[in-house]
Amino acid sequence: MGSRISEEVVAVAKSGWKRGARNSPYKARFKKGPRDSSSNAFIRQEKSFRQWKIYRPTILPNRFRILAVKDNISTTSFETTCASNFLRDYEPPFDADVIKTLYKRGGAAVGSKTNMDEFGMGSHSVNSHYGAVTNSPPFEAYSAGGSSGGSAQAVASGSFQAALGTDTGGSVRLPAAYSGVTGLKPSYGRISRHGVIPYAHSLDTVGLFCKDPEEMTAFLIASQDLRTRDPTTPTEPATKRMTDAIRREEARLGRWPVTDTKPLRIGVPAEYNIAELSPAVRHTWQRTLDTLRSHGHTIVPVSLPSTKHALSAYYIIAAAEASSNLAKFDGVRYGSREDASDNPTGVLYASTRGAGFGDEVRRRILLGTYSLSASAMDNFFVQAQRVRRLVQRDFDRVFAMPNPLHPENQFDLADMPETTEMDSKLGPAEVDVLVVPTAPTLPPLLKDVKSQGSLAGYTNDVFTVPASLAGLPAISVPVPIAKEAREEGNVGFVGMQVIGQYFDDFHVINVGTMVAAGVRWPSRLEKLQEKWRIQRENAARNYEFRRPVGFGDK
């Protein structure tokens, strides 16, 4: 009898457990962790995931629910070290805003922390305490780009379908171009930076990686939230004002309606056609423009005269802000202290900072400290800020859509170079987007990167830095190289970059989808138009401004 009672109790318990699990708002299931990557992309990762299937509506597809996260984005589930010996044991007490937002809106969880250049300072992911990140097989000898090379390789290898990185001067777009994936740098402030360990706070942007550009829209919507702790993120009234301005301009320009699409005016800056362009990149760029022209779009030559000084201005501004932001890493407030005695002159943390930071980080701190000194500030930092303002002005002049951050101003034609081509007597041509290469060359060999000087490595950012200085959205998408233009032994794709006006991120993603599709675009457009319309309506509904309830309204 006792045996029968036990069996009945077990049966009742099992039936109750099944009924409770079926009625539960979420259900757990186990699956294997990410495949081992031979590119040294991961610093820490879960061996198995406890993936929660959420029954409430979410924006992200199921394959985006497990994310690879760059190691400078704070997570409570993993240490956050910035690939530095200085923070090798640092455990953040909170998650970054973007991690919380992706969990709340998309049901996403962190599955791995990815390798990177130390504190984001580098273009090839070789300045890491954990070793260099290499490209995917069979291109292990080539650079994966930086500084978010680990996140790009996590997506390129198929271990993850989506990943987070950060972009200061091209740290998302350059790895995406070298790894053959899609990388988006949103408008500055669109995604909260709270919880991201800063490199240069006026340039840092949380970036996104995925395989296909058409999936980037949902990823971006799930990553942004108006209720953040980042002071640079627009508030609800500001977001509504800029969104309404973008919609008015879209209606005026006739862009991306449901039933018909007017031809775009695509700008090609003369300053990007440099002599250092590799033959494969130049050929692919020209072939991409020819394909866009065959779709009925107009290719318009434009001029951005101040961009030739953008790279120099960027490395002065970024280094100056880095020297200030990294001052707190002294082994007292943050970081690990060395056992050796400090400098006998009385400096408390001299040996600690010298041993904790890598060569490239120390180099940029010294450069930034010098540019902020009293004797050099006017000649370097102040001049760099003026160049930054000129770069922003050049972009505003060539885009047909006005910058929603400030009222539209009529510019003086006398300020422009004499070589600038005029569309009419009213001024130069205006375009919807710019289409340029992401990098001037294909991925270089790692042995060449390690043997060359730091100055040569800085030039890889020449095409990505201008958009970062202006705070504009930009996306890099892979475009196949024609068989006759391929370089033997190197990758078979080139990263093409689409740059748009501030807060016009979704239009940039749409054009990036068109560039990546190439000749297949007309057949894919019909399927995507309805999808885009639904996504935009959902985004407008989620971010509709509601007047706060006052005391008298309660």
Protein backbone atom coordinates (compact mmCIF):
# COMPACT_ATOMS: atom_id res chain seq x y z
CA MET A 1 0.00 0.00 0.00
CA GLY A 2 2.81 2.34 0.88
CA SER A 3 4.37 1.64 -2.47
CA ARG A 4 1.10 2.46 -4.26
CA ILE A 5 0.71 5.69 -2.28
CA SER A 6 4.22 6.72 -3.21
CA GLU A 7 3.53 6.07 -6.88
CA GLU A 8 0.31 8.08 -6.69
CA VAL A 9 2.11 10.97 -4.97
CA VAL A 10 4.81 10.92 -7.61
CA ALA A 11 2.21 10.88 -10.40
CA VAL A 12 0.32 13.80 -8.88
CA ALA A 13 3.54 15.72 -8.37
CA LYS A 14 4.59 15.11 -11.97
CA SER A 15 1.24 16.20 -13.34
CA GLY A 16 1.28 19.31 -11.20
CA TRP A 17 4.82 20.14 -12.30
CA LYS A 18 3.88 19.77 -15.96
CA ARG A 19 0.78 21.90 -15.51
CA GLY A 20 2.75 24.55 -13.66
CA ALA A 21 5.47 24.58 -16.31
CA ARG A 22 2.91 24.90 -19.07
CA ASN A 23 1.22 27.85 -17.35
CA SER A 24 4.50 29.54 -16.47
CA PRO A 25 5.27 32.79 -18.32
CA TYR A 26 8.66 31.41 -19.29
CA LYS A 27 10.17 28.00 -19.82
CA ALA A 28 13.80 26.99 -19.48
CA ARG A 29 15.67 24.82 -21.88
CA PHE A 30 19.34 23.99 -22.11
CA LYS A 31 21.51 24.11 -25.15
CA LYS A 32 25.19 23.93 -25.87
CA GLY A 33 27.32 27.03 -25.67
CA PRO A 34 29.06 28.71 -28.61
CA ARG A 35 31.38 26.77 -30.83
CA ASP A 36 35.05 27.17 -30.00
CA SER A 37 36.57 29.96 -32.03
CA SER A 38 40.08 29.64 -33.41
CA SER A 39 40.34 33.43 -33.77
CA ASN A 40 40.84 34.15 -30.03
CA ALA A 41 37.61 36.14 -30.10
CA PHE A 42 36.33 35.19 -26.64
CA ILE A 43 37.72 36.10 -23.24
CA ARG A 44 35.01 34.42 -21.16
CA GLN A 45 32.00 32.41 -22.28
CA GLU A 46 29.36 30.09 -20.92
CA LYS A 47 29.80 26.38 -21.57
CA SER A 48 26.02 25.93 -21.62
CA PHE A 49 23.19 28.42 -21.70
CA ARG A 50 19.99 28.41 -19.72
CA GLN A 51 17.90 30.12 -22.36
CA TRP A 52 14.52 31.39 -21.24
CA LYS A 53 11.72 31.23 -23.75
CA ILE A 54 9.65 34.33 -23.04
CA TYR A 55 6.01 34.20 -24.05
CA ARG A 56 5.48 37.97 -23.96
CA PRO A 57 6.00 39.80 -27.29
CA THR A 58 9.62 40.77 -27.92
CA ILE A 59 11.31 42.64 -30.73
CA LEU A 60 14.32 40.39 -31.27
CA PRO A 61 14.11 37.03 -33.03
CA ASN A 62 15.01 33.95 -31.00
CA ARG A 63 18.44 33.59 -32.61
CA PHE A 64 19.38 37.03 -31.21
CA ARG A 65 18.54 36.07 -27.62
CA ILE A 66 22.15 35.15 -26.72
CA LEU A 67 24.63 37.99 -27.26
CA ALA A 68 28.38 38.33 -27.44
CA VAL A 69 29.38 41.53 -25.65
CA LYS A 70 32.57 43.54 -25.96
CA ASP A 71 34.66 43.47 -22.81
CA ASN A 72 34.33 47.20 -22.07
CA ILE A 73 30.54 46.98 -21.54
CA SER A 74 29.70 46.30 -17.90
CA THR A 75 27.97 43.00 -17.10
CA THR A 76 27.31 41.46 -13.71
CA SER A 77 27.44 37.92 -15.11
CA PHE A 78 31.07 38.26 -16.28
CA GLU A 79 34.11 40.27 -15.31
CA THR A 80 34.69 43.40 -17.39
CA THR A 81 38.40 43.92 -18.00
CA CYS A 82 38.66 46.04 -21.19
CA ALA A 83 41.26 43.42 -22.26
CA SER A 84 43.67 45.10 -19.82
CA ASN A 85 45.90 43.71 -17.11
CA PHE A 86 44.83 46.68 -14.99
CA LEU A 87 41.21 45.46 -14.67
CA ARG A 88 41.86 41.73 -14.74
CA ASP A 89 39.75 41.12 -11.61
CA TYR A 90 37.11 43.85 -11.95
CA GLU A 91 33.51 42.74 -11.39
CA PRO A 92 30.99 45.49 -12.18
CA PRO A 93 28.24 46.01 -9.58
CA PHE A 94 25.62 46.72 -12.26
CA ASP A 95 24.74 45.99 -15.89
CA ALA A 96 25.11 48.61 -18.57
CA ASP A 97 21.90 50.29 -19.72
CA VAL A 98 22.08 48.61 -23.13
CA ILE A 99 22.27 45.17 -21.47
CA LYS A 100 19.20 45.91 -19.35
CA THR A 101 17.31 47.32 -22.33
CA LEU A 102 18.03 44.31 -24.54
CA TYR A 103 16.88 41.98 -21.78
CA LYS A 104 13.73 43.99 -21.10
CA ARG A 105 12.71 44.65 -24.70
CA GLY A 106 14.23 41.67 -26.50
CA GLY A 107 14.66 38.96 -23.88
CA ALA A 108 18.40 38.82 -24.66
CA ALA A 109 21.07 37.50 -22.30
CA VAL A 110 24.86 37.78 -22.29
CA GLY A 111 26.59 34.61 -23.45
CA SER A 112 30.19 35.74 -23.82
CA LYS A 113 32.63 38.61 -23.37
CA THR A 114 34.75 39.22 -26.45
CA ASN A 115 38.35 40.19 -26.96
CA MET A 116 39.32 43.71 -28.01
CA ASP A 117 42.11 46.27 -28.12
CA GLU A 118 42.95 47.41 -24.61
CA PHE A 119 40.46 50.13 -23.61
CA GLY A 120 39.38 50.29 -27.26
CA MET A 121 42.67 51.82 -28.43
CA GLY A 122 43.62 50.17 -31.69
CA SER A 123 42.47 49.31 -35.20
CA HIS A 124 43.45 45.61 -35.42
CA SER A 125 42.64 44.02 -32.01
CA VAL A 126 46.30 43.23 -31.36
CA ASN A 127 46.74 45.46 -28.26
CA SER A 128 45.09 43.00 -25.88
CA HIS A 129 46.28 41.46 -22.63
CA TYR A 130 44.76 38.16 -23.85
CA GLY A 131 46.49 38.10 -27.24
CA ALA A 132 45.58 39.26 -30.73
CA VAL A 133 42.29 38.45 -32.45
CA THR A 134 42.75 36.81 -35.85
CA ASN A 135 40.43 36.56 -38.82
CA SER A 136 38.25 33.55 -39.53
CA PRO A 137 39.75 30.48 -41.25
CA PRO A 138 41.31 30.25 -43.77
CA PHE A 139 42.42 33.88 -43.27
CA GLU A 140 43.99 33.50 -39.81
CA ALA A 141 47.08 35.41 -40.92
CA TYR A 142 45.06 38.56 -41.57
CA SER A 143 43.74 41.25 -39.24
CA ALA A 144 40.19 41.04 -37.90
CA GLY A 145 40.00 44.82 -37.41
CA GLY A 146 39.63 46.67 -34.17
CA SER A 147 38.94 47.53 -31.59
CA SER A 148 35.78 45.36 -31.56
CA GLY A 149 37.46 42.52 -33.42
CA GLY A 150 36.27 39.85 -31.00
CA SER A 151 32.60 40.79 -31.40
CA ALA A 152 32.91 40.82 -35.19
CA GLN A 153 34.56 37.41 -35.22
CA ALA A 154 31.93 36.01 -32.85
CA VAL A 155 29.32 36.75 -35.52
CA ALA A 156 31.51 35.86 -38.50
CA SER A 157 32.34 32.41 -37.08
CA GLY A 158 28.65 31.62 -36.49
CA SER A 159 29.11 31.25 -32.73
CA PHE A 160 26.63 34.10 -32.19
CA GLN A 161 24.06 35.73 -34.44
CA ALA A 162 24.38 39.16 -32.81
CA ALA A 163 27.00 41.01 -30.81
CA LEU A 164 27.62 44.35 -29.12
CA GLY A 165 30.67 46.53 -29.61
CA THR A 166 31.66 50.15 -29.23
CA ASP A 167 32.63 52.61 -31.95
CA THR A 168 34.80 55.63 -31.17
CA GLY A 169 36.47 56.26 -34.53
CA GLY A 170 35.50 53.16 -36.51
CA SER A 171 35.86 50.33 -33.99
CA VAL A 172 32.65 48.64 -35.17
CA ARG A 173 32.72 49.41 -38.89
CA LEU A 174 36.37 48.46 -39.48
CA PRO A 175 36.08 44.95 -37.90
CA ALA A 176 32.81 44.45 -39.79
CA ALA A 177 34.57 45.28 -43.06
CA TYR A 178 37.51 42.97 -42.35
CA SER A 179 35.33 40.11 -41.03
CA GLY A 180 32.55 40.15 -43.63
CA VAL A 181 29.63 41.02 -41.33
CA THR A 182 27.32 44.00 -40.87
CA GLY A 183 28.32 46.65 -38.34
CA LEU A 184 26.26 49.69 -37.35
CA LYS A 185 27.42 52.84 -35.59
CA PRO A 186 24.18 54.59 -34.56
CA SER A 187 23.82 58.33 -34.15
CA TYR A 188 25.72 59.64 -31.15
CA GLY A 189 23.55 59.26 -28.05
CA ARG A 190 20.95 57.01 -29.67
CA ILE A 191 21.95 54.06 -27.46
CA SER A 192 22.79 54.74 -23.83
CA ARG A 193 26.49 54.63 -22.92
CA HIS A 194 25.87 54.29 -19.18
CA GLY A 195 27.88 51.29 -18.03
CA VAL A 196 30.34 51.48 -20.94
CA ILE A 197 33.88 52.12 -19.70
CA PRO A 198 34.75 55.32 -21.59
CA TYR A 199 37.61 55.91 -23.96
CA ALA A 200 36.55 59.29 -25.41
CA HIS A 201 33.16 60.30 -24.04
CA SER A 202 32.28 62.75 -26.84
CA LEU A 203 32.89 60.05 -29.47
CA ASP A 204 31.99 56.71 -27.85
CA THR A 205 28.93 54.97 -29.29
CA VAL A 206 27.54 51.50 -28.62
CA GLY A 207 27.60 49.59 -31.93
CA LEU A 208 25.80 46.51 -33.21
CA PHE A 209 26.91 43.46 -35.22
CA CYS A 210 24.83 40.91 -37.12
CA LYS A 211 24.99 38.93 -40.34
CA ASP A 212 22.36 40.62 -42.52
CA PRO A 213 21.69 44.37 -42.60
CA GLU A 214 17.93 43.86 -42.89
CA GLU A 215 17.94 42.43 -39.34
CA MET A 216 19.68 45.49 -37.95
CA THR A 217 16.46 47.52 -37.66
CA ALA A 218 14.94 45.27 -35.01
CA PHE A 219 18.30 45.05 -33.23
CA LEU A 220 18.57 48.85 -33.04
CA ILE A 221 14.99 49.30 -31.83
CA ALA A 222 15.54 46.72 -29.08
CA SER A 223 18.78 48.43 -27.98
CA GLN A 224 17.51 51.98 -27.47
CA ASP A 225 15.53 53.29 -24.54
CA LEU A 226 14.57 56.83 -23.64
CA ARG A 227 14.66 56.17 -19.90
CA THR A 228 18.41 55.88 -19.40
CA ARG A 229 21.08 57.31 -17.14
CA ASP A 230 23.17 58.66 -20.01
CA PRO A 231 22.93 62.48 -20.21
CA THR A 232 23.79 62.42 -23.93
CA THR A 233 20.75 60.28 -24.79
CA PRO A 234 17.87 62.47 -26.05
CA THR A 235 14.88 62.76 -23.76
CA GLU A 236 11.35 61.86 -24.84
CA PRO A 237 10.39 65.39 -26.01
CA ALA A 238 13.66 65.74 -27.94
CA THR A 239 13.26 62.30 -29.51
CA LYS A 240 9.70 63.09 -30.57
CA ARG A 241 10.77 66.42 -32.07
CA MET A 242 13.61 64.85 -34.07
CA THR A 243 11.49 61.89 -35.16
CA ASP A 244 8.75 64.21 -36.40
CA ALA A 245 11.34 66.27 -38.28
CA ILE A 246 12.71 63.14 -39.95
CA ARG A 247 9.20 62.05 -40.98
CA ARG A 248 8.38 65.45 -42.45
CA GLU A 249 11.54 65.38 -44.52
CA GLU A 250 10.84 61.81 -45.62
CA ALA A 251 7.41 62.87 -46.83
CA ARG A 252 8.92 65.86 -48.63
CA LEU A 253 11.66 63.80 -50.25
CA GLY A 254 9.40 60.82 -50.97
CA ARG A 255 11.65 58.25 -49.35
CA TRP A 256 10.70 54.63 -48.71
CA PRO A 257 6.89 54.77 -48.94
CA VAL A 258 4.97 51.52 -49.02
CA THR A 259 3.84 51.61 -52.64
CA ASP A 260 6.64 53.40 -54.46
CA THR A 261 10.23 54.46 -53.91
CA LYS A 262 11.65 57.57 -55.50
CA PRO A 263 15.22 57.40 -56.78
CA LEU A 264 17.86 58.44 -54.29
CA ARG A 265 20.65 60.95 -54.73
CA ILE A 266 23.78 59.14 -53.56
CA GLY A 267 26.83 61.24 -52.81
CA VAL A 268 30.42 60.27 -53.60
CA PRO A 269 32.94 62.53 -51.80
CA ALA A 270 35.96 63.42 -53.88
CA GLU A 271 38.16 63.40 -50.76
CA TYR A 272 37.61 59.65 -50.30
CA ASN A 273 39.08 58.82 -53.72
CA ILE A 274 42.65 58.74 -52.44
CA ALA A 275 45.72 57.30 -54.12
CA GLU A 276 46.17 54.75 -51.32
CA LEU A 277 42.99 52.86 -52.28
CA SER A 278 43.82 49.27 -53.11
CA PRO A 279 42.75 48.06 -56.58
CA ALA A 280 40.23 45.60 -55.11
CA VAL A 281 38.57 48.29 -52.99
CA ARG A 282 38.47 50.80 -55.85
CA HIS A 283 37.02 48.25 -58.28
CA THR A 284 34.33 47.13 -55.80
CA TRP A 285 33.40 50.73 -54.97
CA GLN A 286 32.97 51.57 -58.65
CA ARG A 287 30.98 48.40 -59.28
CA THR A 288 28.70 49.21 -56.32
CA LEU A 289 28.03 52.70 -57.68
CA ASP A 290 27.31 51.26 -61.14
CA THR A 291 24.81 48.84 -59.61
CA LEU A 292 23.06 51.64 -57.73
CA ARG A 293 22.91 53.68 -60.92
CA SER A 294 21.34 50.72 -62.74
CA HIS A 295 18.58 50.68 -60.10
CA GLY A 296 17.65 54.22 -61.13
CA HIS A 297 19.48 56.18 -58.42
CA THR A 298 21.58 59.24 -59.18
CA ILE A 299 25.28 59.32 -58.32
CA VAL A 300 26.29 62.85 -57.32
CA PRO A 301 29.92 63.99 -56.78
CA VAL A 302 30.20 66.04 -53.58
CA SER A 303 32.99 67.69 -51.64
CA LEU A 304 33.83 67.46 -47.93
CA PRO A 305 36.91 69.68 -47.81
CA SER A 306 37.47 69.51 -44.05
CA THR A 307 37.62 65.70 -43.92
CA LYS A 308 41.27 65.74 -44.96
CA HIS A 309 42.03 67.12 -41.48
CA ALA A 310 39.57 64.86 -39.64
CA LEU A 311 42.04 62.07 -38.82
CA SER A 312 44.52 64.43 -37.15
CA ALA A 313 41.77 66.17 -35.19
CA TYR A 314 40.30 62.84 -34.07
CA TYR A 315 43.51 61.49 -32.55
CA ILE A 316 44.09 64.74 -30.66
CA ILE A 317 40.54 64.85 -29.24
CA ALA A 318 40.35 61.13 -28.47
CA ALA A 319 43.74 61.05 -26.76
CA ALA A 320 42.95 64.15 -24.70
CA GLU A 321 39.67 62.69 -23.46
CA ALA A 322 41.32 59.32 -22.81
CA SER A 323 43.97 60.91 -20.59
CA SER A 324 41.16 62.40 -18.50
CA ASN A 325 38.90 59.33 -18.46
CA LEU A 326 41.69 56.91 -17.55
CA ALA A 327 43.00 59.04 -14.68
CA LYS A 328 40.82 57.11 -12.23
CA PHE A 329 42.65 53.85 -12.95
CA ASP A 330 45.33 54.16 -10.31
CA GLY A 331 45.02 50.98 -8.25
CA VAL A 332 43.27 52.91 -5.47
CA ARG A 333 39.86 53.69 -6.92
CA TYR A 334 39.94 51.18 -9.79
CA GLY A 335 42.36 48.52 -10.93
CA SER A 336 44.86 46.12 -9.38
CA ARG A 337 47.86 47.44 -7.48
CA GLU A 338 51.37 46.17 -8.00
CA ASP A 339 53.35 44.61 -5.15
CA ALA A 340 56.43 46.66 -5.95
CA SER A 341 57.01 49.93 -4.12
CA ASP A 342 55.88 53.12 -5.80
CA ASN A 343 58.04 55.92 -7.08
CA PRO A 344 60.29 57.23 -4.27
CA THR A 345 59.42 60.81 -5.26
CA GLY A 346 56.07 60.37 -3.57
CA VAL A 347 53.79 59.61 -6.54
CA LEU A 348 51.39 57.04 -5.13
CA TYR A 349 50.52 55.10 -8.27
CA ALA A 350 53.46 55.60 -10.66
CA SER A 351 54.56 51.97 -10.88
CA THR A 352 50.98 50.68 -10.80
CA ARG A 353 49.91 52.64 -13.88
CA GLY A 354 53.17 51.87 -15.66
CA ALA A 355 52.74 48.13 -15.18
CA GLY A 356 48.97 47.99 -15.68
CA PHE A 357 48.60 49.78 -19.01
CA GLY A 358 49.89 48.47 -22.32
CA ASP A 359 52.21 50.34 -24.66
CA GLU A 360 49.48 51.80 -26.88
CA VAL A 361 47.40 53.01 -23.92
CA ARG A 362 50.42 54.69 -22.33
CA ARG A 363 51.28 56.31 -25.67
CA ARG A 364 47.82 57.84 -26.07
CA ILE A 365 47.65 58.98 -22.44
CA LEU A 366 50.94 60.83 -22.87
CA LEU A 367 49.78 62.33 -26.16
CA GLY A 368 46.52 63.48 -24.61
CA THR A 369 48.17 64.89 -21.52
CA TYR A 370 50.53 66.93 -23.66
CA SER A 371 47.76 68.28 -25.89
CA LEU A 372 45.88 69.46 -22.77
CA SER A 373 48.90 71.18 -21.26
CA ALA A 374 48.87 74.95 -20.98
CA SER A 375 51.58 75.41 -23.60
CA ALA A 376 49.97 73.17 -26.24
CA MET A 377 46.22 73.35 -25.66
CA ASP A 378 45.54 76.29 -28.00
CA ASN A 379 47.67 74.86 -30.78
CA PHE A 380 46.32 71.31 -30.62
CA PHE A 381 43.12 70.62 -28.67
CA VAL A 382 41.34 73.89 -29.45
CA GLN A 383 42.29 73.70 -33.13
CA ALA A 384 41.09 70.08 -33.28
CA GLN A 385 37.71 71.12 -31.90
CA ARG A 386 37.45 73.79 -34.60
CA VAL A 387 38.20 71.20 -37.27
CA ARG A 388 35.50 69.01 -35.76
CA ARG A 389 32.97 71.80 -36.15
CA LEU A 390 34.01 72.28 -39.78
CA VAL A 391 33.57 68.55 -40.46
CA GLN A 392 30.05 68.68 -39.03
CA ARG A 393 29.28 71.73 -41.19
CA ASP A 394 30.51 69.98 -44.34
CA PHE A 395 28.18 67.05 -43.76
CA ASP A 396 25.20 69.34 -43.09
CA ARG A 397 25.85 71.13 -46.38
CA VAL A 398 25.77 68.01 -48.55
CA PHE A 399 22.75 66.28 -46.99
CA ALA A 400 19.31 67.18 -48.31
CA MET A 401 17.79 66.46 -44.91
CA PRO A 402 18.60 69.18 -42.35
CA ASN A 403 20.22 68.28 -39.07
CA PRO A 404 17.37 67.94 -36.51
CA LEU A 405 19.65 69.05 -33.67
CA HIS A 406 19.49 72.71 -34.68
CA PRO A 407 17.52 75.01 -37.01
CA GLU A 408 18.51 75.04 -40.64
CA ASN A 409 20.89 77.87 -41.49
CA GLN A 410 21.80 79.31 -44.86
CA PHE A 411 25.54 78.97 -45.35
CA ASP A 412 27.78 81.44 -47.10
CA LEU A 413 29.09 80.23 -50.46
CA ALA A 414 32.19 82.37 -49.93
CA ASP A 415 33.27 79.96 -47.18
CA MET A 416 33.50 77.06 -49.62
CA PRO A 417 36.56 76.24 -51.75
CA GLU A 418 36.56 77.44 -55.33
CA THR A 419 36.81 73.85 -56.58
CA THR A 420 33.40 72.93 -55.10
CA GLU A 421 30.94 72.03 -57.86
CA MET A 422 27.62 73.91 -57.74
CA ASP A 423 24.35 72.16 -58.49
CA SER A 424 22.73 75.53 -59.17
CA LYS A 425 23.18 79.16 -58.25
CA LEU A 426 21.71 78.32 -54.83
CA GLY A 427 24.60 76.11 -53.81
CA PRO A 428 26.22 72.68 -54.14
CA ALA A 429 24.36 69.44 -54.73
CA GLU A 430 22.46 67.85 -51.85
CA VAL A 431 22.22 64.09 -51.40
CA ASP A 432 20.34 61.56 -49.29
CA VAL A 433 23.30 59.42 -48.21
CA LEU A 434 27.00 58.93 -48.88
CA VAL A 435 28.38 55.58 -50.09
CA VAL A 436 32.12 55.12 -49.55
CA PRO A 437 34.51 52.29 -48.66
CA THR A 438 34.89 51.47 -44.98
CA ALA A 439 38.66 51.00 -45.23
CA PRO A 440 41.15 51.97 -47.95
CA THR A 441 42.60 48.45 -48.17
CA LEU A 442 41.73 44.83 -47.55
CA PRO A 443 42.74 43.30 -44.18
CA PRO A 444 46.52 43.53 -43.73
CA LEU A 445 48.69 40.67 -42.51
CA LEU A 446 49.05 40.54 -38.73
CA LYS A 447 52.82 40.28 -39.01
CA ASP A 448 52.85 43.53 -40.98
CA VAL A 449 50.58 45.21 -38.42
CA LYS A 450 52.88 44.24 -35.55
CA SER A 451 56.02 45.34 -37.38
CA GLN A 452 54.75 48.74 -38.54
CA GLY A 453 54.68 51.82 -36.36
CA SER A 454 51.63 53.10 -34.53
CA LEU A 455 51.23 56.01 -36.96
CA ALA A 456 50.71 53.63 -39.89
CA GLY A 457 47.97 51.86 -37.94
CA TYR A 458 46.12 55.13 -37.35
CA THR A 459 45.61 55.67 -41.10
CA ASN A 460 43.22 52.69 -41.33
CA ASP A 461 40.55 54.90 -39.72
CA VAL A 462 40.73 57.59 -42.40
CA PHE A 463 37.28 56.73 -43.86
CA THR A 464 35.49 56.04 -40.56
CA VAL A 465 36.64 58.97 -38.42
CA PRO A 466 34.68 61.80 -40.17
CA ALA A 467 31.27 60.28 -39.34
CA SER A 468 32.39 59.76 -35.73
CA LEU A 469 33.48 63.38 -35.35
CA ALA A 470 30.10 64.54 -36.66
CA GLY A 471 28.12 62.00 -34.60
CA LEU A 472 26.39 60.61 -37.71
CA PRO A 473 24.97 57.10 -38.23
CA ALA A 474 27.00 54.82 -40.48
CA ILE A 475 26.74 51.16 -41.43
CA SER A 476 29.32 48.85 -43.01
CA VAL A 477 28.03 45.99 -45.17
CA PRO A 478 30.06 43.32 -47.01
CA VAL A 479 30.12 43.45 -50.82
CA PRO A 480 31.72 40.59 -52.80
CA ILE A 481 34.81 41.34 -54.85
CA ALA A 482 34.66 40.48 -58.54
CA LYS A 483 36.78 37.50 -59.50
CA GLU A 484 39.10 39.54 -61.70
CA ALA A 485 39.87 42.03 -58.90
CA ARG A 486 40.54 39.65 -55.99
CA GLU A 487 43.86 39.58 -54.20
CA GLU A 488 45.30 36.10 -53.93
CA GLY A 489 45.10 34.71 -50.40
CA ASN A 490 43.04 37.59 -49.00
CA VAL A 491 39.33 37.84 -48.20
CA GLY A 492 36.75 37.97 -50.99
CA PHE A 493 34.70 40.94 -49.79
CA VAL A 494 35.00 44.69 -49.22
CA GLY A 495 33.19 46.68 -46.56
CA MET A 496 31.02 49.43 -48.06
CA GLN A 497 29.97 52.24 -45.74
CA VAL A 498 26.71 54.19 -45.88
CA ILE A 499 26.63 57.51 -43.99
CA GLY A 500 23.47 59.51 -43.33
CA GLN A 501 22.22 62.59 -41.51
CA TYR A 502 21.98 62.66 -37.72
CA PHE A 503 19.11 60.55 -36.29
CA ASP A 504 18.38 59.13 -39.76
CA ASP A 505 19.59 55.69 -38.68
CA PHE A 506 16.80 53.61 -40.17
CA HIS A 507 17.23 55.15 -43.61
CA VAL A 508 20.95 54.35 -43.40
CA ILE A 509 20.10 50.73 -42.57
CA ASN A 510 17.69 50.55 -45.52
CA VAL A 511 20.28 51.88 -47.96
CA GLY A 512 22.86 49.51 -46.49
CA THR A 513 20.48 46.63 -47.18
CA MET A 514 20.21 47.80 -50.79
CA VAL A 515 23.99 48.07 -51.17
CA ALA A 516 24.53 44.58 -49.73
CA ALA A 517 21.84 43.06 -51.98
CA GLY A 518 23.49 44.40 -55.13
CA VAL A 519 21.82 43.23 -58.33
CA ARG A 520 19.29 41.21 -56.31
CA TRP A 521 17.80 44.35 -54.77
CA PRO A 522 14.65 44.76 -56.96
CA SER A 523 13.42 41.27 -56.11
CA ARG A 524 14.02 41.77 -52.39
CA LEU A 525 12.51 45.24 -52.20
CA GLU A 526 8.94 44.03 -52.55
CA LYS A 527 9.31 41.66 -49.61
CA LEU A 528 11.03 44.20 -47.39
CA GLN A 529 8.79 47.23 -47.91
CA GLU A 530 5.88 45.84 -45.93
CA LYS A 531 8.25 44.64 -43.21
CA TRP A 532 9.82 48.09 -42.90
CA ARG A 533 6.44 49.79 -42.70
CA ILE A 534 5.36 47.59 -39.80
CA GLN A 535 8.65 48.12 -37.97
CA ARG A 536 8.42 51.89 -38.29
CA GLU A 537 4.84 51.95 -37.05
CA ASN A 538 5.81 49.86 -34.04
CA ALA A 539 8.77 52.14 -33.33
CA ALA A 540 6.56 55.24 -33.56
CA ARG A 541 4.03 53.67 -31.22
CA ASN A 542 6.69 52.74 -28.67
CA TYR A 543 8.26 56.20 -28.66
CA GLU A 544 5.11 58.28 -28.81
CA PHE A 545 5.45 61.12 -26.34
CA ARG A 546 2.96 61.16 -23.49
CA ARG A 547 2.51 64.26 -21.35
CA PRO A 548 3.43 63.54 -17.71
CA VAL A 549 0.47 63.50 -15.36
CA GLY A 550 0.61 66.55 -13.12
CA PHE A 551 -0.61 66.87 -9.55
CA GLY A 552 -3.85 68.50 -10.65
CA ASP A 553 -4.58 65.73 -13.17
CA LYS A 554 -4.44 62.86 -10.70
